[in-house]
C-alpha cells in the first residue's frame, strides 16, 4: 500500500511540475496592443485598430483583417498573400511593393493609398474604392475589379492582363499607357500595356464610346467647349488659371460628350465659380448659373474643378468666375 501511494505521489509531482513549467509562457497573440500582435504575425486581426501603424515588411499571409482600420498605416513590403481584408479601411496607407496576391479586398477603402509596384495577382477588389490611389506599375493580372472606383487613380505601367473590369468607374484615371480615361472616351479600355482584360472592357467601350447622331453633319460631330473669359478676384494671375483650366479641358469636354449621346440637341453655358486656397487647392466649386440645365454635366464639371490644382496664390485666397460654353456644332 505504501509503495502504491509513493508511486501515485511521484506521478502527481511530475504532473504538477510539468504544469508549472508551462505557466511562464504567454500567448503572443493575447492583449489589446493590435500593432504588437500584427508584428508578431498573429492571424486573427479582425476589426483591429491599426491607424498609422508602422508595419513595414510584416508577414500577415492568410491573416484575417476584415473590417480592420489601417488608415495611414506604413505597410511597405508587407506580405498579405491570401489575407482577408474585406471592408478594411486602408485610406492613405503606404503599400509600396506590398504582396497582396490572392487577397480579398472586396469593399475595401483604398482611397489615396500608395500601391506603387504592389502585387495584386488574382486579388479580389470587387467594389473597392481606389479613388486617387497611386498605382504605378501594379500587377493586377487576373484580378477582379467589378464595380471598383478608379476615379483619379494613377495606373501608368500597371498590368491588367485578364482582369475583370466589369462596371469599373473610370474618371480622370491615368491609364497604363500613360493616357487619360477622359480623353479616351471615358475609359482605359484599349489603353493597356500588353494583353488586355478578358471581361468587362468590351462593355465599357460600348458604354462610353462617342457615337454622334448619324444624321448630323460633319461640323456637328465636332464637339466643342469654349472656355470663355474668366474673372479672378484676389491673389491669382489669370494666365496661371487659364493654363490649369486648359490642361483639364479634355476632361470637362468629356462630361458634355457623355450626355450628348443621350440628348443630341444638348448645348449651353455653365458659369462656374471656385475658390483657390493658399496651397493651390480648390476649396469650393459650384455652378452659379448658365443656360445648360443638364445636372449630370454640371455635377461632372464641378467634380473635375474641385480636384484641380493651381499655382499657389501670392498672399491670399482668390475667387474665380469662369464660363464654359458647350456646343455640338461649329
Foldseek 3Di string as FASTA:
>chain_A
DVVVVVVVVVVVVVVVVVVVVPPVDDDQCDDQPLLSNQQVQPQEQDQHEQDQNEQEQGENDQHEHDQHEDDQHEHDQYEDHLYEHDLYEDDQYEHDQYEHDNYEQDNYEDDQYEHENYEHDQYEHDCYEHALYEAEQYEHAQYEHALYEQANYENALYHHAQYACANYQFAQYQANQRDHCLLVQRDCQVVHPDHHHDHHSVVVCVLRPQDADPPDDPQLQDKDKDFADKDKPDQDDPVQVVVQCVVCVSSLSSQVRSVCSVPVAFWKKWKKKWKQFQQQATPAIATDDMDGDPVSSRVSVRVVNNGTGTDGGDPGMMMMIIMMTIGSGD
